[in-house]
PDB file of N, CA and C in Angstrom:
ATOM      1  N   UNK A   1      -7.474   0.803  12.426  1.00  0.00           N
ATOM      2  CA  UNK A   1      -7.007  -0.778  13.009  1.00  0.00           C
ATOM      3  C   UNK A   1      -7.309  -1.795  11.880  1.00  0.00           C
ATOM      4  N   UNK A   2      -6.028  -2.543  11.624  1.00  0.00           N
ATOM      5  CA  UNK A   2      -6.245  -3.406  10.854  1.00  0.00           C
ATOM      6  C   UNK A   2      -7.372  -4.650  10.927  1.00  0.00           C
ATOM      7  N   UNK A   3      -7.193  -5.121  12.293  1.00  0.00           N
ATOM      8  CA  UNK A   3      -7.954  -5.974  12.864  1.00  0.00           C
ATOM      9  C   UNK A   3      -9.219  -5.706  13.814  1.00  0.00           C
ATOM     10  N   UNK A   4     -10.180  -5.944  13.845  1.00  0.00           N
ATOM     11  CA  UNK A   4     -11.327  -5.722  14.846  1.00  0.00           C
ATOM     12  C   UNK A   4     -11.625  -6.791  15.501  1.00  0.00           C
ATOM     13  N   UNK A   5     -10.999  -7.103  16.919  1.00  0.00           N
ATOM     14  CA  UNK A   5     -11.038  -8.254  17.895  1.00  0.00           C
ATOM     15  C   UNK A   5     -12.470  -8.131  18.367  1.00  0.00           C
ATOM     16  N   UNK A   6     -13.431  -7.367  18.037  1.00  0.00           N
ATOM     17  CA  UNK A   6     -14.605  -7.308  18.751  1.00  0.00           C
ATOM     18  C   UNK A   6     -15.400  -7.931  17.898  1.00  0.00           C
ATOM     19  N   UNK A   7     -15.541  -7.615  17.008  1.00  0.00           N
ATOM     20  CA  UNK A   7     -16.792  -7.870  15.842  1.00  0.00           C
ATOM     21  C   UNK A   7     -16.304  -8.524  14.551  1.00  0.00           C
ATOM     22  N   UNK A   8     -16.527  -9.731  14.539  1.00  0.00           N
ATOM     23  CA  UNK A   8     -17.146 -10.622  15.436  1.00  0.00           C
ATOM     24  C   UNK A   8     -16.407 -11.083  16.662  1.00  0.00           C
ATOM     25  N   UNK A   9     -16.859 -11.473  17.641  1.00  0.00           N
ATOM     26  CA  UNK A   9     -15.725 -11.439  18.651  1.00  0.00           C
ATOM     27  C   UNK A   9     -14.847 -12.818  18.469  1.00  0.00           C
ATOM     28  N   UNK A  10     -13.670 -12.452  18.797  1.00  0.00           N
ATOM     29  CA  UNK A  10     -12.374 -13.227  18.674  1.00  0.00           C
ATOM     30  C   UNK A  10     -12.250 -14.571  19.668  1.00  0.00           C
ATOM     31  N   UNK A  11     -12.425 -15.455  19.180  1.00  0.00           N
ATOM     32  CA  UNK A  11     -12.037 -16.577  20.348  1.00  0.00           C
ATOM     33  C   UNK A  11     -10.895 -16.315  20.939  1.00  0.00           C
ATOM     34  N   UNK A  12      -9.546 -15.841  20.527  1.00  0.00           N
ATOM     35  CA  UNK A  12      -8.234 -15.637  21.051  1.00  0.00           C
ATOM     36  C   UNK A  12      -8.412 -14.545  21.646  1.00  0.00           C
ATOM     37  N   UNK A  13      -9.417 -13.644  21.720  1.00  0.00           N
ATOM     38  CA  UNK A  13      -9.111 -12.469  22.654  1.00  0.00           C
ATOM     39  C   UNK A  13      -8.378 -12.533  24.082  1.00  0.00           C
ATOM     40  N   UNK A  14      -7.659 -11.671  24.442  1.00  0.00           N
ATOM     41  CA  UNK A  14      -6.842 -11.885  25.729  1.00  0.00           C
ATOM     42  C   UNK A  14      -5.678 -12.853  25.699  1.00  0.00           C
ATOM     43  N   UNK A  15      -5.271 -13.489  24.560  1.00  0.00           N
ATOM     44  CA  UNK A  15      -4.282 -14.594  24.433  1.00  0.00           C
ATOM     45  C   UNK A  15      -3.661 -14.292  23.076  1.00  0.00           C
ATOM     46  N   UNK A  16      -3.883 -13.504  22.306  1.00  0.00           N
ATOM     47  CA  UNK A  16      -3.645 -13.438  20.784  1.00  0.00           C
ATOM     48  C   UNK A  16      -2.524 -12.260  20.910  1.00  0.00           C
ATOM     49  N   UNK A  17      -1.194 -12.553  20.008  1.00  0.00           N
ATOM     50  CA  UNK A  17      -0.139 -11.240  19.756  1.00  0.00           C
ATOM     51  C   UNK A  17      -0.552 -10.875  18.501  1.00  0.00           C
ATOM     52  N   UNK A  18      -1.647 -10.926  18.064  1.00  0.00           N
ATOM     53  CA  UNK A  18      -1.544 -10.505  16.242  1.00  0.00           C
ATOM     54  C   UNK A  18      -1.772  -8.724  16.384  1.00  0.00           C
ATOM     55  N   UNK A  19      -2.402  -8.443  16.964  1.00  0.00           N
ATOM     56  CA  UNK A  19      -2.534  -6.710  17.254  1.00  0.00           C
ATOM     57  C   UNK A  19      -1.057  -6.505  17.405  1.00  0.00           C
ATOM     58  N   UNK A  20      -0.170  -6.864  18.614  1.00  0.00           N
ATOM     59  CA  UNK A  20       1.046  -6.366  18.818  1.00  0.00           C
ATOM     60  C   UNK A  20       1.977  -6.567  17.772  1.00  0.00           C
ATOM     61  N   UNK A  21       1.988  -7.712  16.851  1.00  0.00           N
ATOM     62  CA  UNK A  21       2.807  -7.897  15.752  1.00  0.00           C
ATOM     63  C   UNK A  21       2.719  -7.436  14.642  1.00  0.00           C
ATOM     64  N   UNK A  22       1.045  -7.005  14.444  1.00  0.00           N
ATOM     65  CA  UNK A  22       0.882  -5.840  13.327  1.00  0.00           C
ATOM     66  C   UNK A  22       1.376  -4.568  13.633  1.00  0.00           C
ATOM     67  N   UNK A  23       1.222  -4.260  14.689  1.00  0.00           N
ATOM     68  CA  UNK A  23       1.462  -2.865  14.967  1.00  0.00           C
ATOM     69  C   UNK A  23       2.957  -2.782  15.162  1.00  0.00           C
ATOM     70  N   UNK A  24       3.930  -3.797  15.312  1.00  0.00           N
ATOM     71  CA  UNK A  24       5.358  -3.895  15.258  1.00  0.00           C
ATOM     72  C   UNK A  24       5.751  -3.585  13.704  1.00  0.00           C
ATOM     73  N   UNK A  25       5.033  -4.495  12.738  1.00  0.00           N
ATOM     74  CA  UNK A  25       5.263  -4.810  11.297  1.00  0.00           C
ATOM     75  C   UNK A  25       4.930  -3.033  10.804  1.00  0.00           C
ATOM     76  N   UNK A  26       3.765  -2.654  11.049  1.00  0.00           N
ATOM     77  CA  UNK A  26       3.797  -1.004  10.737  1.00  0.00           C
ATOM     78  C   UNK A  26       4.632  -0.357  10.839  1.00  0.00           C
ATOM     79  N   UNK A  27       5.127  -0.366  12.356  1.00  0.00           N
ATOM     80  CA  UNK A  27       6.231   0.609  12.626  1.00  0.00           C
ATOM     81  C   UNK A  27       7.250   0.514  11.516  1.00  0.00           C
ATOM     82  N   UNK A  28       8.039  -0.856  11.736  1.00  0.00           N
ATOM     83  CA  UNK A  28       8.906  -1.370  10.990  1.00  0.00           C
ATOM     84  C   UNK A  28       8.888  -0.781   9.355  1.00  0.00           C
ATOM     85  N   UNK A  29       7.498  -1.004   8.876  1.00  0.00           N
ATOM     86  CA  UNK A  29       7.136  -0.338   7.604  1.00  0.00           C
ATOM     87  C   UNK A  29       7.570   1.100   7.263  1.00  0.00           C
ATOM     88  N   UNK A  30       7.318   1.726   8.322  1.00  0.00           N
ATOM     89  CA  UNK A  30       7.219   3.060   8.194  1.00  0.00           C
ATOM     90  C   UNK A  30       8.504   3.611   8.327  1.00  0.00           C
ATOM     91  N   UNK A  31       9.397   2.967   9.545  1.00  0.00           N
ATOM     92  CA  UNK A  31      10.764   3.419   9.617  1.00  0.00           C
ATOM     93  C   UNK A  31      11.507   3.193   8.253  1.00  0.00           C
ATOM     94  N   UNK A  32      11.245   2.107   7.587  1.00  0.00           N
ATOM     95  CA  UNK A  32      12.201   1.855   6.356  1.00  0.00           C
ATOM     96  C   UNK A  32      11.662   2.708   5.526  1.00  0.00           C
ATOM     97  N   UNK A  33      10.216   3.207   5.031  1.00  0.00           N
ATOM     98  CA  UNK A  33       9.907   4.450   4.253  1.00  0.00           C
ATOM     99  C   UNK A  33      10.333   5.699   4.664  1.00  0.00           C
ATOM    100  N   UNK A  34      10.607   5.827   5.415  1.00  0.00           N
ATOM    101  CA  UNK A  34      11.244   6.989   6.113  1.00  0.00           C
ATOM    102  C   UNK A  34      12.456   7.376   5.736  1.00  0.00           C
ATOM    103  N   UNK A  35      13.074   6.415   5.110  1.00  0.00           N
ATOM    104  CA  UNK A  35      14.535   6.570   4.715  1.00  0.00           C
ATOM    105  C   UNK A  35      14.681   7.116   3.356  1.00  0.00           C
ATOM    106  N   UNK A  36      13.701   7.185   2.714  1.00  0.00           N
ATOM    107  CA  UNK A  36      13.245   7.993   1.374  1.00  0.00           C
ATOM    108  C   UNK A  36      12.346   8.990   0.986  1.00  0.00           C
ATOM    109  N   UNK A  37      12.910   9.410   0.159  1.00  0.00           N
ATOM    110  CA  UNK A  37      12.040  10.534  -0.392  1.00  0.00           C
ATOM    111  C   UNK A  37      11.402  10.289  -1.826  1.00  0.00           C
ATOM    112  N   UNK A  38      10.726  11.009  -2.147  1.00  0.00           N
ATOM    113  CA  UNK A  38       9.725  10.749  -3.738  1.00  0.00           C
ATOM    114  C   UNK A  38      11.227  11.024  -4.654  1.00  0.00           C
ATOM    115  N   UNK A  39      11.842  11.809  -4.345  1.00  0.00           N
ATOM    116  CA  UNK A  39      13.109  12.033  -5.288  1.00  0.00           C
ATOM    117  C   UNK A  39      14.179  10.793  -5.167  1.00  0.00           C
ATOM    118  N   UNK A  40      14.074  10.244  -4.114  1.00  0.00           N
ATOM    119  CA  UNK A  40      15.082   9.064  -4.299  1.00  0.00           C
ATOM    120  C   UNK A  40      14.339   7.876  -4.731  1.00  0.00           C
ATOM    121  N   UNK A  41      12.999   7.890  -4.741  1.00  0.00           N
ATOM    122  CA  UNK A  41      12.407   6.671  -5.948  1.00  0.00           C
ATOM    123  C   UNK A  41      12.349   7.361  -7.297  1.00  0.00           C
ATOM    124  N   UNK A  42      12.603   8.383  -7.607  1.00  0.00           N
ATOM    125  CA  UNK A  42      12.407   8.838  -9.013  1.00  0.00           C
ATOM    126  C   UNK A  42      13.939   8.589  -9.485  1.00  0.00           C
ATOM    127  N   UNK A  43      14.961   8.668  -8.600  1.00  0.00           N
ATOM    128  CA  UNK A  43      16.658   8.442  -8.993  1.00  0.00           C
ATOM    129  C   UNK A  43      16.448   7.570  -9.917  1.00  0.00           C
ATOM    130  N   UNK A  44      15.868   6.353  -9.918  1.00  0.00           N
ATOM    131  CA  UNK A  44      16.036   4.839 -10.659  1.00  0.00           C
ATOM    132  C   UNK A  44      15.714   5.115 -12.077  1.00  0.00           C
ATOM    133  N   UNK A  45      15.423   6.239 -12.592  1.00  0.00           N
ATOM    134  CA  UNK A  45      15.213   6.710 -13.683  1.00  0.00           C
ATOM    135  C   UNK A  45      13.533   6.023 -14.313  1.00  0.00           C
ATOM    136  N   UNK A  46      13.377   6.698 -15.591  1.00  0.00           N
ATOM    137  CA  UNK A  46      12.219   6.064 -16.250  1.00  0.00           C
ATOM    138  C   UNK A  46      12.527   4.432 -16.857  1.00  0.00           C
ATOM    139  N   UNK A  47      11.352   3.758 -16.857  1.00  0.00           N
ATOM    140  CA  UNK A  47      11.856   2.272 -17.011  1.00  0.00           C
ATOM    141  C   UNK A  47      12.249   1.420 -15.823  1.00  0.00           C
ATOM    142  N   UNK A  48      12.293   1.858 -14.769  1.00  0.00           N
ATOM    143  CA  UNK A  48      12.994   1.290 -13.836  1.00  0.00           C
ATOM    144  C   UNK A  48      12.175   1.187 -12.631  1.00  0.00           C
ATOM    145  N   UNK A  49      12.105   0.126 -11.858  1.00  0.00           N
ATOM    146  CA  UNK A  49      11.593   0.372 -10.400  1.00  0.00           C
ATOM    147  C   UNK A  49      10.213   0.965 -10.374  1.00  0.00           C
ATOM    148  N   UNK A  50       9.961   1.697  -9.177  1.00  0.00           N
ATOM    149  CA  UNK A  50       8.871   2.406  -8.732  1.00  0.00           C
ATOM    150  C   UNK A  50       8.123   3.090  -9.937  1.00  0.00           C
ATOM    151  N   UNK A  51       9.162   3.669 -10.477  1.00  0.00           N
ATOM    152  CA  UNK A  51       9.266   4.810 -11.422  1.00  0.00           C
ATOM    153  C   UNK A  51       8.393   4.024 -12.814  1.00  0.00           C
ATOM    154  N   UNK A  52       8.682   2.954 -13.208  1.00  0.00           N
ATOM    155  CA  UNK A  52       7.986   2.251 -14.058  1.00  0.00           C
ATOM    156  C   UNK A  52       6.736   1.821 -13.908  1.00  0.00           C
ATOM    157  N   UNK A  53       6.699   1.198 -12.671  1.00  0.00           N
ATOM    158  CA  UNK A  53       5.178   0.827 -12.304  1.00  0.00           C
ATOM    159  C   UNK A  53       4.051   2.117 -12.320  1.00  0.00           C
ATOM    160  N   UNK A  54       4.701   3.246 -11.831  1.00  0.00           N
ATOM    161  CA  UNK A  54       3.631   4.264 -11.453  1.00  0.00           C
ATOM    162  C   UNK A  54       3.592   4.747 -13.110  1.00  0.00           C
ATOM    163  N   UNK A  55       4.416   4.952 -13.745  1.00  0.00           N
ATOM    164  CA  UNK A  55       4.103   5.673 -15.531  1.00  0.00           C
ATOM    165  C   UNK A  55       3.366   4.383 -16.089  1.00  0.00           C
ATOM    166  N   UNK A  56       3.639   3.172 -16.158  1.00  0.00           N
ATOM    167  CA  UNK A  56       2.672   2.126 -16.944  1.00  0.00           C
ATOM    168  C   UNK A  56       1.432   2.448 -16.423  1.00  0.00           C
ATOM    169  N   UNK A  57       1.230   2.341 -15.137  1.00  0.00           N
ATOM    170  CA  UNK A  57      -0.035   2.236 -14.730  1.00  0.00           C
ATOM    171  C   UNK A  57      -1.114   3.821 -15.134  1.00  0.00           C
ATOM    172  N   UNK A  58      -0.222   4.618 -15.106  1.00  0.00           N
ATOM    173  CA  UNK A  58      -0.538   5.879 -15.458  1.00  0.00           C
ATOM    174  C   UNK A  58      -1.260   5.869 -16.947  1.00  0.00           C
ATOM    175  N   UNK A  59      -0.103   5.492 -17.760  1.00  0.00           N
ATOM    176  CA  UNK A  59      -0.424   5.063 -19.458  1.00  0.00           C
ATOM    177  C   UNK A  59      -1.747   4.156 -19.364  1.00  0.00           C
ATOM    178  N   UNK A  60      -1.756   3.109 -18.708  1.00  0.00           N
ATOM    179  CA  UNK A  60      -3.082   2.269 -19.028  1.00  0.00           C
ATOM    180  C   UNK A  60      -3.945   2.768 -18.640  1.00  0.00           C
ATOM    181  N   UNK A  61      -4.108   3.470 -17.460  1.00  0.00           N
ATOM    182  CA  UNK A  61      -5.644   4.344 -17.309  1.00  0.00           C
ATOM    183  C   UNK A  61      -5.713   5.410 -18.535  1.00  0.00           C
ATOM    184  N   UNK A  62      -4.785   6.109 -18.712  1.00  0.00           N
ATOM    185  CA  UNK A  62      -5.102   7.135 -19.953  1.00  0.00           C
ATOM    186  C   UNK A  62      -5.653   6.661 -21.338  1.00  0.00           C
ATOM    187  N   UNK A  63      -5.107   5.078 -21.186  1.00  0.00           N
ATOM    188  CA  UNK A  63      -5.429   4.676 -22.587  1.00  0.00           C
ATOM    189  C   UNK A  63      -6.933   3.821 -22.571  1.00  0.00           C
ATOM    190  N   UNK A  64      -7.540   3.747 -21.356  1.00  0.00           N
ATOM    191  CA  UNK A  64      -8.640   3.290 -21.369  1.00  0.00           C
ATOM    192  C   UNK A  64     -10.083   3.855 -21.769  1.00  0.00           C
ATOM    193  N   UNK A  65     -10.822   3.437 -22.602  1.00  0.00           N
ATOM    194  CA  UNK A  65     -11.810   4.306 -22.885  1.00  0.00           C
ATOM    195  C   UNK A  65     -12.907   4.904 -22.042  1.00  0.00           C
ATOM    196  N   UNK A  66     -13.183   6.042 -22.119  1.00  0.00           N
ATOM    197  CA  UNK A  66     -14.181   6.682 -21.200  1.00  0.00           C
ATOM    198  C   UNK A  66     -15.691   6.068 -21.229  1.00  0.00           C
ATOM    199  N   UNK A  67     -16.279   5.823 -20.011  1.00  0.00           N
ATOM    200  CA  UNK A  67     -17.582   5.289 -20.571  1.00  0.00           C
ATOM    201  C   UNK A  67     -18.401   6.227 -21.177  1.00  0.00           C
ATOM    202  N   UNK A  68     -19.338   5.484 -22.100  1.00  0.00           N
ATOM    203  CA  UNK A  68     -20.456   6.443 -22.632  1.00  0.00           C
ATOM    204  C   UNK A  68     -21.529   6.236 -22.148  1.00  0.00           C
ATOM    205  N   UNK A  69     -22.016   7.216 -21.509  1.00  0.00           N
ATOM    206  CA  UNK A  69     -23.444   7.617 -20.791  1.00  0.00           C
ATOM    207  C   UNK A  69     -24.436   7.186 -21.927  1.00  0.00           C
ATOM    208  N   UNK A  70     -24.362   7.491 -22.943  1.00  0.00           N
ATOM    209  CA  UNK A  70     -25.392   7.650 -23.953  1.00  0.00           C
ATOM    210  C   UNK A  70     -25.282   5.983 -24.763  1.00  0.00           C
ATOM    211  N   UNK A  71     -24.571   5.115 -24.588  1.00  0.00           N
ATOM    212  CA  UNK A  71     -24.709   3.984 -25.190  1.00  0.00           C
ATOM    213  C   UNK A  71     -23.786   3.039 -25.067  1.00  0.00           C
TER     214      UNK A  71
END
């Protein structure tokens, strides 16, 4: 659950539509993503879109120096 209305107690409890709105938004998000496969995302090719973001982040991580426990 994205929001806990009980801790701390929410002053809008019983009158708030946030939980319902978030549930509908989550379902719309999943419905949109269900239209794509990983292959669909890859079709944009290297250097474009999601593929570029994933590859550039992987490169950044691999370029970071490892922590030296000895010093």
